[in-house]
């Protein structure tokens, strides 16, 4: 079997440009060409070494070597290449020659802030986000109001929302205000808008949500909107499950 001949959606994924679901949207929008011709069929077979695949006129090439990036995502930025063209995306913040090949490791919604990992290494990304990974992620969350002891127990035991059981591996109070409360919430599995949905089910509005840790890797004092490359040791810290 020739592993170089794959579907067009798979090709964009293997070239570390985006996920297959994102690729399907790009293809449907007519933004992908093969050898200069627009292709709107996501199942079209292409040869990764022979065919020239481009997105918005920019040819895609396999990265020379993988890179691993830590970004402090500001509020209001989208973690996607395929959204509204007028939206600011996290890729607008990263100036690197391999930016077209970067994929986000997990997600943060537009209103959320903090630690976001991006890489050209899709296998590494899968190890951190796969259903069996259980890599802990820590969020600092500001809510309107204060959790009761019963609410703390509910978050740890799990809350059903939209047919999914959502729960926190750990919850603690960081500080109390007159009307608001800052919480530290640790997740070991990632559902869409996991933290916001849990708290909304209990009747709490999230005012701010900042991810500060993935595995044993912390955000530190990296300024908002800034990014840096990870060392090989930090790549290992991001996948640790012991929170050392």
Protein backbone atom coordinates (compact mmCIF):
# COMPACT_ATOMS: atom_id res chain seq x y z
CA UNK A 1 0.00 0.00 0.00
CA UNK A 2 1.35 3.42 -0.98
CA UNK A 3 1.16 5.56 2.18
CA UNK A 4 2.14 8.65 0.19
CA UNK A 5 -1.20 8.58 -1.67
CA UNK A 6 -3.92 9.82 0.67
CA UNK A 7 -7.15 11.79 0.65
CA UNK A 8 -6.83 15.56 0.40
CA UNK A 9 -8.11 16.03 3.96
CA UNK A 10 -5.56 13.54 5.25
CA UNK A 11 -2.84 15.25 3.23
CA UNK A 12 -3.44 18.60 4.97
CA UNK A 13 -3.30 16.81 8.30
CA UNK A 14 -0.10 14.89 7.47
CA UNK A 15 1.49 18.14 6.31
CA UNK A 16 0.71 19.50 9.82
CA UNK A 17 -1.44 22.30 8.43
CA UNK A 18 -4.70 21.53 10.26
CA UNK A 19 -6.97 18.71 11.39
CA UNK A 20 -8.97 16.67 8.88
CA UNK A 21 -12.24 18.30 9.95
CA UNK A 22 -10.71 21.75 9.45
CA UNK A 23 -9.29 20.62 6.11
CA UNK A 24 -12.75 19.59 4.92
CA UNK A 25 -14.02 23.12 5.60
CA UNK A 26 -11.10 24.68 3.71
CA UNK A 27 -11.66 22.39 0.75
CA UNK A 28 -15.40 23.05 0.69
CA UNK A 29 -14.69 26.81 0.71
CA UNK A 30 -12.54 26.45 -2.41
CA UNK A 31 -9.36 27.56 -0.65
CA UNK A 32 -7.31 24.43 -1.51
CA UNK A 33 -5.62 23.76 -4.84
CA UNK A 34 -3.79 20.72 -6.20
CA UNK A 35 -1.23 21.55 -8.88
CA UNK A 36 -2.86 24.95 -9.32
CA UNK A 37 -6.44 23.71 -9.67
CA UNK A 38 -9.09 24.30 -7.02
CA UNK A 39 -10.35 21.00 -5.58
CA UNK A 40 -13.61 20.84 -3.62
CA UNK A 41 -13.73 17.06 -3.19
CA UNK A 42 -12.25 16.16 0.24
CA UNK A 43 -11.82 12.51 -0.83
CA UNK A 44 -9.62 13.41 -3.82
CA UNK A 45 -6.47 11.25 -3.72
CA UNK A 46 -3.16 13.08 -3.84
CA UNK A 47 0.50 12.12 -3.74
CA UNK A 48 2.30 13.92 -0.93
CA UNK A 49 5.64 13.96 -2.77
CA UNK A 50 4.49 14.52 -6.33
CA UNK A 51 1.49 16.89 -6.09
CA UNK A 52 1.70 20.56 -5.10
CA UNK A 53 -0.96 21.30 -2.50
CA UNK A 54 -1.66 24.92 -1.58
CA UNK A 55 -4.01 26.79 0.76
CA UNK A 56 -4.95 30.33 -0.25
CA UNK A 57 -2.21 30.14 -2.86
CA UNK A 58 0.55 29.22 -0.38
CA UNK A 59 2.18 25.83 -1.16
CA UNK A 60 2.44 23.41 1.76
CA UNK A 61 5.68 21.59 2.41
CA UNK A 62 6.59 19.12 5.14
CA UNK A 63 8.43 20.85 8.01
CA UNK A 64 12.19 20.32 8.04
CA UNK A 65 12.15 19.54 11.76
CA UNK A 66 9.41 19.68 14.35
CA UNK A 67 8.91 22.69 16.58
CA UNK A 68 7.00 22.98 19.86
CA UNK A 69 5.59 26.33 20.96
CA UNK A 70 4.08 27.69 24.17
CA UNK A 71 1.79 30.69 23.65
CA UNK A 72 0.05 32.86 26.23
CA UNK A 73 -3.26 33.27 24.39
CA UNK A 74 -5.07 36.58 24.95
CA UNK A 75 -8.83 36.76 25.24
CA UNK A 76 -10.60 37.37 21.93
CA UNK A 77 -8.32 35.26 19.72
CA UNK A 78 -9.62 32.22 17.86
CA UNK A 79 -7.73 28.88 17.92
CA UNK A 80 -8.51 28.02 14.30
CA UNK A 81 -7.46 28.80 10.76
CA UNK A 82 -10.94 28.20 9.38
CA UNK A 83 -13.17 30.69 11.15
CA UNK A 84 -14.28 34.16 10.16
CA UNK A 85 -11.55 35.73 8.06
CA UNK A 86 -12.00 38.96 10.04
CA UNK A 87 -11.32 37.23 13.37
CA UNK A 88 -7.95 37.49 15.04
CA UNK A 89 -6.37 34.06 15.35
CA UNK A 90 -3.54 32.75 17.49
CA UNK A 91 -1.59 32.18 14.29
CA UNK A 92 -1.50 35.96 13.76
CA UNK A 93 0.59 36.18 16.94
CA UNK A 94 3.25 33.67 15.88
CA UNK A 95 5.96 34.80 13.49
CA UNK A 96 7.96 31.72 12.56
CA UNK A 97 8.93 30.18 9.25
CA UNK A 98 6.96 27.03 10.10
CA UNK A 99 3.78 28.83 11.18
CA UNK A 100 1.76 27.37 8.23
CA UNK A 101 2.48 23.86 9.56
CA UNK A 102 1.52 24.47 13.20
CA UNK A 103 -1.48 22.76 14.77
CA UNK A 104 -2.92 23.57 18.21
CA UNK A 105 -2.65 20.93 20.92
CA UNK A 106 -6.21 21.02 22.24
CA UNK A 107 -8.35 24.12 22.34
CA UNK A 108 -9.20 27.30 24.20
CA UNK A 109 -12.39 29.07 23.22
CA UNK A 110 -12.38 32.68 22.06
CA UNK A 111 -13.19 34.09 25.50
CA UNK A 112 -10.56 31.99 27.32
CA UNK A 113 -6.94 32.88 27.97
CA UNK A 114 -3.62 31.39 28.91
CA UNK A 115 -1.50 28.42 28.03
CA UNK A 116 -1.79 27.03 24.50
CA UNK A 117 0.64 24.58 22.96
CA UNK A 118 1.18 24.41 19.20
CA UNK A 119 3.40 22.06 17.23
CA UNK A 120 4.26 20.61 13.84
CA UNK A 121 4.46 17.17 15.48
CA UNK A 122 0.95 15.72 15.19
CA UNK A 123 1.98 12.47 16.94
CA UNK A 124 3.13 14.45 19.99
CA UNK A 125 -0.12 16.40 19.93
CA UNK A 126 -2.11 13.15 19.83
CA UNK A 127 -0.22 11.82 22.85
CA UNK A 128 -1.27 14.87 24.87
CA UNK A 129 -4.91 15.03 23.75
CA UNK A 130 -5.90 11.43 23.04
CA UNK A 131 -8.78 9.91 25.05
CA UNK A 132 -6.37 7.69 26.98
CA UNK A 133 -3.81 10.42 27.71
CA UNK A 134 -5.39 11.88 30.91
CA UNK A 135 -2.81 14.67 30.97
CA UNK A 136 -3.94 17.09 33.71
CA UNK A 137 -4.68 20.70 32.82
CA UNK A 138 -5.08 23.44 35.44
CA UNK A 139 -7.37 26.44 34.98
CA UNK A 140 -7.75 29.54 37.12
CA UNK A 141 -11.40 30.51 36.91
CA UNK A 142 -13.17 33.62 38.17
CA UNK A 143 -16.89 33.17 38.82
CA UNK A 144 -19.69 35.47 39.85
CA UNK A 145 -20.75 34.30 43.30
CA UNK A 146 -19.23 31.60 45.50
CA UNK A 147 -19.39 27.83 45.42
CA UNK A 148 -21.04 26.03 48.31
CA UNK A 149 -19.59 22.86 49.83
CA UNK A 150 -22.27 20.90 47.96
CA UNK A 151 -21.24 22.50 44.65
CA UNK A 152 -17.60 21.52 45.26
CA UNK A 153 -18.68 17.91 45.77
CA UNK A 154 -20.82 18.01 42.63
CA UNK A 155 -17.91 19.22 40.49
CA UNK A 156 -15.69 16.42 41.77
CA UNK A 157 -18.36 13.74 41.43
CA UNK A 158 -19.42 14.84 37.98
CA UNK A 159 -22.29 16.77 36.40
CA UNK A 160 -24.31 15.59 33.43
CA UNK A 161 -24.69 18.18 30.68
CA UNK A 162 -25.72 17.55 27.09
CA UNK A 163 -25.56 13.81 27.65
CA UNK A 164 -21.93 13.97 28.86
CA UNK A 165 -20.56 13.46 32.36
CA UNK A 166 -18.34 16.44 33.14
CA UNK A 167 -16.18 16.43 36.24
CA UNK A 168 -13.13 18.03 37.78
CA UNK A 169 -10.19 16.02 39.05
CA UNK A 170 -9.57 18.73 41.65
CA UNK A 171 -11.17 22.02 42.73
CA UNK A 172 -9.92 24.55 45.27
CA UNK A 173 -10.38 28.22 46.15
CA UNK A 174 -7.57 30.56 45.16
CA UNK A 175 -9.11 33.69 46.68
CA UNK A 176 -12.46 35.21 47.62
CA UNK A 177 -13.80 38.65 46.80
CA UNK A 178 -16.97 40.38 47.93
CA UNK A 179 -19.03 39.09 45.00
CA UNK A 180 -16.63 36.91 43.05
CA UNK A 181 -14.42 33.90 43.65
CA UNK A 182 -11.27 32.61 41.96
CA UNK A 183 -11.01 28.83 41.67
CA UNK A 184 -8.30 26.40 40.61
CA UNK A 185 -9.85 23.60 38.55
CA UNK A 186 -7.93 20.59 37.27
CA UNK A 187 -9.23 18.46 34.39
CA UNK A 188 -7.84 15.14 33.18
CA UNK A 189 -10.16 14.92 30.21
CA UNK A 190 -11.21 17.58 27.78
CA UNK A 191 -14.77 18.11 26.63
CA UNK A 192 -15.94 21.07 24.57
CA UNK A 193 -16.26 24.11 26.91
CA UNK A 194 -15.85 21.68 29.81
CA UNK A 195 -15.34 24.15 32.67
CA UNK A 196 -17.93 26.66 31.49
CA UNK A 197 -20.60 23.98 31.04
CA UNK A 198 -20.01 22.47 34.48
CA UNK A 199 -20.30 25.80 36.23
CA UNK A 200 -23.25 26.97 34.12
CA UNK A 201 -25.16 23.83 35.13
CA UNK A 202 -24.66 24.87 38.75
CA UNK A 203 -25.85 28.41 37.94
CA UNK A 204 -22.49 30.21 37.89
CA UNK A 205 -21.25 32.61 35.20
CA UNK A 206 -17.56 32.42 34.31
CA UNK A 207 -16.01 35.88 34.25
CA UNK A 208 -12.49 34.81 33.32
CA UNK A 209 -10.89 31.47 32.47
CA UNK A 210 -7.10 31.17 32.28
CA UNK A 211 -5.23 27.91 31.62
CA UNK A 212 -1.99 27.95 33.61
CA UNK A 213 -0.62 24.40 33.42
CA UNK A 214 -0.52 21.34 31.15
CA UNK A 215 1.06 18.24 32.62
CA UNK A 216 3.97 19.52 34.70
CA UNK A 217 4.61 22.45 32.34
CA UNK A 218 3.47 25.84 33.67
CA UNK A 219 2.71 29.12 31.92
CA UNK A 220 5.08 31.04 34.17
CA UNK A 221 5.57 34.76 33.54
CA UNK A 222 5.26 34.66 29.75
CA UNK A 223 3.54 37.94 28.75
CA UNK A 224 0.06 37.85 27.24
CA UNK A 225 0.25 37.42 23.47
CA UNK A 226 3.89 36.25 23.61
CA UNK A 227 5.25 32.84 22.67
CA UNK A 228 8.45 30.83 22.98
CA UNK A 229 9.88 27.52 21.82
CA UNK A 230 9.85 24.58 24.22
CA UNK A 231 13.03 22.75 25.12
CA UNK A 232 13.19 18.97 24.81
CA UNK A 233 12.82 18.69 28.60
CA UNK A 234 9.70 20.87 28.54
CA UNK A 235 8.20 18.70 25.82
CA UNK A 236 8.40 15.82 28.30
CA UNK A 237 6.94 17.94 31.13
CA UNK A 238 3.85 18.70 29.05
CA UNK A 239 2.99 15.01 28.80
CA UNK A 240 3.55 14.11 32.46
CA UNK A 241 0.51 13.01 34.42
CA UNK A 242 1.97 13.25 37.95
CA UNK A 243 1.88 17.07 38.15
CA UNK A 244 5.37 17.11 39.66
